[in-house]
Amino acid sequence: MTAKASKAKGRRLQNFVRDKLREVFIENWKKLPILEEDDIKSQTMGMTGEDIVMSPAAKKLIPYSFECKNVEKLNVWNALEQAESNCEGRTPVLVFKRNRSKVYVAIEFDSWLDTIK
């Protein structure tokens, strides 16, 4: 796979995550709009930092930092380390998939327990 195709594959997953977050936090909140589309953006490929860029208002509502990986062979530990290094004090979340698979999320166990309380 060429570098261009690989970046396009990663960008598709980032855009998927961005669109799903917008759907949950913008489209479903039409009666009481808190966020706008510009509050949740996909990072430009090749840039350092979080894959999903959020405004301060979005960060208050969504206390997670997203690292997206769309690869056939994922080194989970390296990806989690990258997510943790970019999380800026928020809970790191690894979003991953491969060709013809569902999208999955990896989150630290204690953080997951906090979400289901």
N, C-alpha and C. Protein backbone atom coordinates (compact mmCIF):
# COMPACT_ATOMS: atom_id res chain seq x y z
N MET A 1 0.85 -1.18 0.00
CA MET A 1 0.00 0.00 0.00
C MET A 1 0.90 1.24 0.00
N THR A 2 0.57 2.20 -0.85
CA THR A 2 1.37 3.42 -0.92
C THR A 2 1.08 4.30 0.29
N ALA A 3 1.99 5.22 0.56
CA ALA A 3 1.82 6.13 1.69
C ALA A 3 0.55 6.97 1.51
N LYS A 4 0.27 7.36 0.28
CA LYS A 4 -0.93 8.16 -0.01
C LYS A 4 -2.20 7.37 0.30
N ALA A 5 -2.23 6.11 -0.11
CA ALA A 5 -3.40 5.26 0.14
C ALA A 5 -3.55 4.98 1.63
N SER A 6 -2.43 4.79 2.31
CA SER A 6 -2.46 4.54 3.75
C SER A 6 -3.02 5.75 4.51
N LYS A 7 -2.59 6.93 4.12
CA LYS A 7 -3.10 8.15 4.76
C LYS A 7 -4.59 8.34 4.48
N ALA A 8 -5.01 8.02 3.26
CA ALA A 8 -6.43 8.13 2.91
C ALA A 8 -7.26 7.16 3.74
N LYS A 9 -6.74 5.97 3.97
CA LYS A 9 -7.43 4.98 4.78
C LYS A 9 -7.57 5.48 6.22
N GLY A 10 -6.51 6.05 6.76
CA GLY A 10 -6.56 6.61 8.11
C GLY A 10 -7.52 7.78 8.20
N ARG A 11 -7.52 8.62 7.17
CA ARG A 11 -8.40 9.79 7.14
C ARG A 11 -9.87 9.38 7.14
N ARG A 12 -10.19 8.28 6.43
CA ARG A 12 -11.57 7.80 6.42
C ARG A 12 -12.06 7.44 7.82
N LEU A 13 -11.21 6.79 8.61
CA LEU A 13 -11.61 6.45 9.98
C LEU A 13 -11.74 7.71 10.83
N GLN A 14 -10.80 8.64 10.71
CA GLN A 14 -10.90 9.90 11.46
C GLN A 14 -12.20 10.62 11.12
N ASN A 15 -12.52 10.71 9.85
CA ASN A 15 -13.75 11.38 9.43
C ASN A 15 -14.99 10.64 9.94
N PHE A 16 -14.93 9.32 9.97
CA PHE A 16 -16.03 8.52 10.51
C PHE A 16 -16.26 8.87 11.99
N VAL A 17 -15.18 8.90 12.76
CA VAL A 17 -15.28 9.22 14.19
C VAL A 17 -15.80 10.64 14.37
N ARG A 18 -15.24 11.59 13.62
CA ARG A 18 -15.70 12.98 13.69
C ARG A 18 -17.19 13.08 13.39
N ASP A 19 -17.64 12.42 12.33
CA ASP A 19 -19.05 12.48 11.94
C ASP A 19 -19.96 11.86 12.99
N LYS A 20 -19.53 10.76 13.60
CA LYS A 20 -20.34 10.12 14.64
C LYS A 20 -20.43 11.01 15.88
N LEU A 21 -19.33 11.65 16.25
CA LEU A 21 -19.36 12.57 17.40
C LEU A 21 -20.27 13.76 17.11
N ARG A 22 -20.18 14.28 15.89
CA ARG A 22 -21.07 15.39 15.50
C ARG A 22 -22.53 14.95 15.55
N GLU A 23 -22.79 13.75 15.10
CA GLU A 23 -24.16 13.23 15.11
C GLU A 23 -24.70 13.17 16.53
N VAL A 24 -23.90 12.66 17.45
CA VAL A 24 -24.34 12.51 18.84
C VAL A 24 -24.45 13.85 19.54
N PHE A 25 -23.46 14.72 19.38
CA PHE A 25 -23.41 15.94 20.17
C PHE A 25 -23.93 17.19 19.48
N ILE A 26 -24.26 17.10 18.19
CA ILE A 26 -24.79 18.28 17.49
C ILE A 26 -26.18 17.98 16.93
N GLU A 27 -26.29 17.00 16.06
CA GLU A 27 -27.56 16.72 15.40
C GLU A 27 -28.63 16.27 16.39
N ASN A 28 -28.25 15.50 17.39
CA ASN A 28 -29.22 15.02 18.37
C ASN A 28 -29.59 16.09 19.39
N TRP A 29 -28.89 17.21 19.38
CA TRP A 29 -29.13 18.28 20.36
C TRP A 29 -29.70 19.52 19.67
N LYS A 30 -30.43 19.35 18.59
CA LYS A 30 -30.93 20.50 17.82
C LYS A 30 -31.80 21.43 18.65
N LYS A 31 -32.56 20.89 19.60
CA LYS A 31 -33.44 21.75 20.40
C LYS A 31 -32.65 22.64 21.35
N LEU A 32 -31.50 22.18 21.77
CA LEU A 32 -30.65 22.94 22.68
C LEU A 32 -29.22 22.86 22.15
N PRO A 33 -28.92 23.60 21.08
CA PRO A 33 -27.59 23.48 20.47
C PRO A 33 -26.49 23.99 21.41
N ILE A 34 -25.54 23.14 21.64
CA ILE A 34 -24.41 23.50 22.49
C ILE A 34 -23.15 23.61 21.65
N LEU A 35 -23.01 22.70 20.70
CA LEU A 35 -21.84 22.67 19.83
C LEU A 35 -22.22 22.92 18.39
N GLU A 36 -21.23 23.36 17.62
CA GLU A 36 -21.41 23.53 16.18
C GLU A 36 -20.40 22.62 15.48
N GLU A 37 -20.56 22.45 14.17
CA GLU A 37 -19.69 21.53 13.44
C GLU A 37 -18.21 21.87 13.60
N ASP A 38 -17.87 23.14 13.67
CA ASP A 38 -16.46 23.53 13.81
C ASP A 38 -15.88 23.17 15.17
N ASP A 39 -16.71 22.77 16.12
CA ASP A 39 -16.22 22.39 17.44
C ASP A 39 -15.58 21.00 17.44
N ILE A 40 -15.86 20.19 16.43
CA ILE A 40 -15.30 18.84 16.33
C ILE A 40 -14.75 18.68 14.91
N LYS A 41 -13.42 18.57 14.81
CA LYS A 41 -12.77 18.48 13.50
C LYS A 41 -11.83 17.29 13.45
N SER A 42 -11.53 16.87 12.24
CA SER A 42 -10.54 15.82 12.02
C SER A 42 -9.19 16.48 11.79
N GLN A 43 -8.15 15.95 12.44
CA GLN A 43 -6.80 16.50 12.29
C GLN A 43 -6.29 16.24 10.88
N THR A 44 -5.53 17.16 10.35
CA THR A 44 -4.89 16.98 9.05
C THR A 44 -3.90 15.82 9.15
N MET A 45 -3.90 14.95 8.16
CA MET A 45 -3.00 13.79 8.18
C MET A 45 -1.55 14.26 8.23
N GLY A 46 -0.77 13.58 9.06
CA GLY A 46 0.65 13.91 9.18
C GLY A 46 0.95 14.89 10.29
N MET A 47 -0.08 15.51 10.84
CA MET A 47 0.12 16.47 11.94
C MET A 47 0.22 15.70 13.25
N THR A 48 0.96 16.27 14.19
CA THR A 48 1.08 15.61 15.49
C THR A 48 -0.12 15.96 16.37
N GLY A 49 -0.31 15.18 17.41
CA GLY A 49 -1.39 15.45 18.36
C GLY A 49 -2.59 14.55 18.12
N GLU A 50 -3.68 14.95 18.73
CA GLU A 50 -4.91 14.17 18.67
C GLU A 50 -5.45 14.08 17.24
N ASP A 51 -6.10 12.97 16.94
CA ASP A 51 -6.68 12.79 15.61
C ASP A 51 -8.01 13.53 15.46
N ILE A 52 -8.72 13.70 16.56
CA ILE A 52 -9.96 14.47 16.55
C ILE A 52 -9.70 15.73 17.37
N VAL A 53 -9.77 16.88 16.70
CA VAL A 53 -9.49 18.16 17.33
C VAL A 53 -10.80 18.77 17.80
N MET A 54 -10.84 19.16 19.08
CA MET A 54 -12.07 19.71 19.64
C MET A 54 -11.82 21.09 20.24
N SER A 55 -12.86 21.91 20.16
CA SER A 55 -12.82 23.23 20.77
C SER A 55 -12.90 23.06 22.29
N PRO A 56 -12.60 24.13 23.05
CA PRO A 56 -12.76 24.04 24.51
C PRO A 56 -14.17 23.64 24.94
N ALA A 57 -15.19 24.11 24.24
CA ALA A 57 -16.58 23.75 24.57
C ALA A 57 -16.80 22.25 24.34
N ALA A 58 -16.27 21.73 23.26
CA ALA A 58 -16.44 20.30 22.97
C ALA A 58 -15.67 19.46 23.99
N LYS A 59 -14.49 19.93 24.39
CA LYS A 59 -13.69 19.19 25.37
C LYS A 59 -14.40 19.09 26.72
N LYS A 60 -15.22 20.08 27.04
CA LYS A 60 -15.98 20.02 28.30
C LYS A 60 -17.06 18.94 28.23
N LEU A 61 -17.68 18.78 27.07
CA LEU A 61 -18.74 17.78 26.91
C LEU A 61 -18.21 16.38 26.63
N ILE A 62 -17.07 16.32 25.97
CA ILE A 62 -16.50 15.04 25.54
C ILE A 62 -15.12 14.92 26.19
N PRO A 63 -15.02 14.27 27.34
CA PRO A 63 -13.76 14.25 28.08
C PRO A 63 -12.76 13.20 27.58
N TYR A 64 -12.77 12.95 26.28
CA TYR A 64 -11.90 11.92 25.71
C TYR A 64 -10.98 12.51 24.65
N SER A 65 -9.86 11.86 24.48
CA SER A 65 -8.90 12.20 23.43
C SER A 65 -8.80 10.99 22.51
N PHE A 66 -8.99 11.19 21.22
CA PHE A 66 -9.12 10.08 20.28
C PHE A 66 -7.87 9.89 19.42
N GLU A 67 -7.41 8.65 19.36
CA GLU A 67 -6.36 8.23 18.45
C GLU A 67 -6.99 7.18 17.54
N CYS A 68 -6.93 7.40 16.22
CA CYS A 68 -7.59 6.52 15.27
C CYS A 68 -6.56 5.73 14.47
N LYS A 69 -6.78 4.44 14.36
CA LYS A 69 -5.88 3.56 13.61
C LYS A 69 -6.71 2.67 12.69
N ASN A 70 -6.49 2.79 11.40
CA ASN A 70 -7.17 1.98 10.39
C ASN A 70 -6.09 1.17 9.68
N VAL A 71 -5.67 0.06 10.30
CA VAL A 71 -4.57 -0.75 9.79
C VAL A 71 -4.91 -2.23 9.89
N GLU A 72 -4.23 -3.03 9.10
CA GLU A 72 -4.45 -4.47 9.13
C GLU A 72 -3.77 -5.11 10.33
N LYS A 73 -2.58 -4.66 10.68
CA LYS A 73 -1.85 -5.20 11.83
C LYS A 73 -1.58 -4.04 12.78
N LEU A 74 -2.24 -4.07 13.90
CA LEU A 74 -2.15 -2.98 14.87
C LEU A 74 -1.25 -3.39 16.03
N ASN A 75 -0.25 -2.56 16.32
CA ASN A 75 0.53 -2.73 17.53
C ASN A 75 -0.23 -1.96 18.61
N VAL A 76 -1.04 -2.66 19.37
CA VAL A 76 -1.94 -2.03 20.34
C VAL A 76 -1.15 -1.21 21.35
N TRP A 77 -0.05 -1.73 21.84
CA TRP A 77 0.69 -1.03 22.89
C TRP A 77 1.30 0.27 22.40
N ASN A 78 1.83 0.27 21.19
CA ASN A 78 2.35 1.52 20.62
C ASN A 78 1.23 2.53 20.38
N ALA A 79 0.10 2.04 19.90
CA ALA A 79 -1.04 2.93 19.63
C ALA A 79 -1.58 3.52 20.92
N LEU A 80 -1.67 2.70 21.98
CA LEU A 80 -2.13 3.22 23.28
C LEU A 80 -1.15 4.23 23.85
N GLU A 81 0.13 3.96 23.68
CA GLU A 81 1.15 4.92 24.15
C GLU A 81 1.02 6.25 23.41
N GLN A 82 0.77 6.18 22.11
CA GLN A 82 0.56 7.40 21.33
C GLN A 82 -0.69 8.15 21.81
N ALA A 83 -1.76 7.41 22.06
CA ALA A 83 -3.00 8.03 22.54
C ALA A 83 -2.76 8.71 23.90
N GLU A 84 -2.02 8.05 24.77
CA GLU A 84 -1.75 8.61 26.09
C GLU A 84 -0.85 9.84 26.02
N SER A 85 0.09 9.85 25.09
CA SER A 85 1.00 11.00 24.98
C SER A 85 0.31 12.23 24.39
N ASN A 86 -0.80 12.03 23.69
CA ASN A 86 -1.52 13.15 23.06
C ASN A 86 -2.78 13.57 23.81
N CYS A 87 -3.08 12.99 24.96
CA CYS A 87 -4.41 13.14 25.54
C CYS A 87 -4.65 14.46 26.30
N GLU A 88 -3.63 15.22 26.59
CA GLU A 88 -3.79 16.54 27.23
C GLU A 88 -4.65 16.48 28.49
N GLY A 89 -4.45 15.46 29.31
CA GLY A 89 -5.17 15.36 30.58
C GLY A 89 -6.56 14.75 30.48
N ARG A 90 -7.00 14.42 29.28
CA ARG A 90 -8.30 13.76 29.12
C ARG A 90 -8.09 12.26 28.97
N THR A 91 -9.15 11.51 28.99
CA THR A 91 -9.06 10.06 28.89
C THR A 91 -8.70 9.65 27.46
N PRO A 92 -7.57 8.93 27.29
CA PRO A 92 -7.21 8.50 25.94
C PRO A 92 -8.09 7.34 25.47
N VAL A 93 -8.49 7.42 24.20
CA VAL A 93 -9.32 6.39 23.59
C VAL A 93 -8.67 6.00 22.26
N LEU A 94 -8.47 4.71 22.07
CA LEU A 94 -7.95 4.20 20.81
C LEU A 94 -9.13 3.67 20.00
N VAL A 95 -9.34 4.24 18.82
CA VAL A 95 -10.39 3.79 17.90
C VAL A 95 -9.67 3.06 16.77
N PHE A 96 -10.06 1.82 16.51
CA PHE A 96 -9.33 1.07 15.50
C PHE A 96 -10.25 0.15 14.68
N LYS A 97 -9.77 -0.15 13.49
CA LYS A 97 -10.47 -1.07 12.60
C LYS A 97 -9.48 -1.55 11.55
N ARG A 98 -9.90 -2.52 10.78
CA ARG A 98 -9.15 -2.97 9.62
C ARG A 98 -10.14 -3.17 8.49
N ASN A 99 -9.65 -3.52 7.33
CA ASN A 99 -10.54 -3.70 6.18
C ASN A 99 -11.67 -4.67 6.50
N ARG A 100 -12.86 -4.28 6.10
CA ARG A 100 -14.06 -5.11 6.24
C ARG A 100 -14.32 -5.56 7.68
N SER A 101 -14.03 -4.70 8.64
CA SER A 101 -14.32 -5.03 10.04
C SER A 101 -15.11 -3.89 10.67
N LYS A 102 -15.64 -4.18 11.82
CA LYS A 102 -16.33 -3.16 12.61
C LYS A 102 -15.30 -2.23 13.22
N VAL A 103 -15.78 -1.11 13.74
CA VAL A 103 -14.91 -0.16 14.43
C VAL A 103 -14.96 -0.49 15.92
N TYR A 104 -13.78 -0.57 16.54
CA TYR A 104 -13.68 -0.90 17.96
C TYR A 104 -12.99 0.22 18.72
N VAL A 105 -13.16 0.18 20.04
CA VAL A 105 -12.56 1.19 20.91
C VAL A 105 -11.83 0.50 22.05
N ALA A 106 -10.64 0.99 22.37
CA ALA A 106 -9.90 0.51 23.54
C ALA A 106 -9.77 1.68 24.50
N ILE A 107 -10.12 1.43 25.74
CA ILE A 107 -10.07 2.45 26.78
C ILE A 107 -9.60 1.78 28.07
N GLU A 108 -8.90 2.52 28.92
CA GLU A 108 -8.43 1.95 30.17
C GLU A 108 -9.62 1.43 30.99
N PHE A 109 -9.45 0.30 31.63
CA PHE A 109 -10.54 -0.38 32.32
C PHE A 109 -11.24 0.51 33.34
N ASP A 110 -10.50 1.21 34.19
CA ASP A 110 -11.13 2.08 35.20
C ASP A 110 -11.94 3.20 34.56
N SER A 111 -11.46 3.73 33.45
CA SER A 111 -12.22 4.77 32.74
C SER A 111 -13.50 4.19 32.17
N TRP A 112 -13.43 2.97 31.67
CA TRP A 112 -14.64 2.31 31.15
C TRP A 112 -15.64 2.09 32.27
N LEU A 113 -15.15 1.67 33.44
CA LEU A 113 -16.06 1.48 34.57
C LEU A 113 -16.77 2.79 34.94
N ASP A 114 -16.03 3.91 34.87
CA ASP A 114 -16.64 5.21 35.15
C ASP A 114 -17.78 5.53 34.19
N THR A 115 -17.66 5.09 32.94
CA THR A 115 -18.71 5.39 31.95
C THR A 115 -19.98 4.59 32.19
N ILE A 116 -19.86 3.41 32.82
CA ILE A 116 -21.06 2.59 33.00
C ILE A 116 -21.68 2.73 34.39
N LYS A 117 -21.08 3.57 35.23
CA LYS A 117 -21.66 3.79 36.57
C LYS A 117 -22.97 4.51 36.47
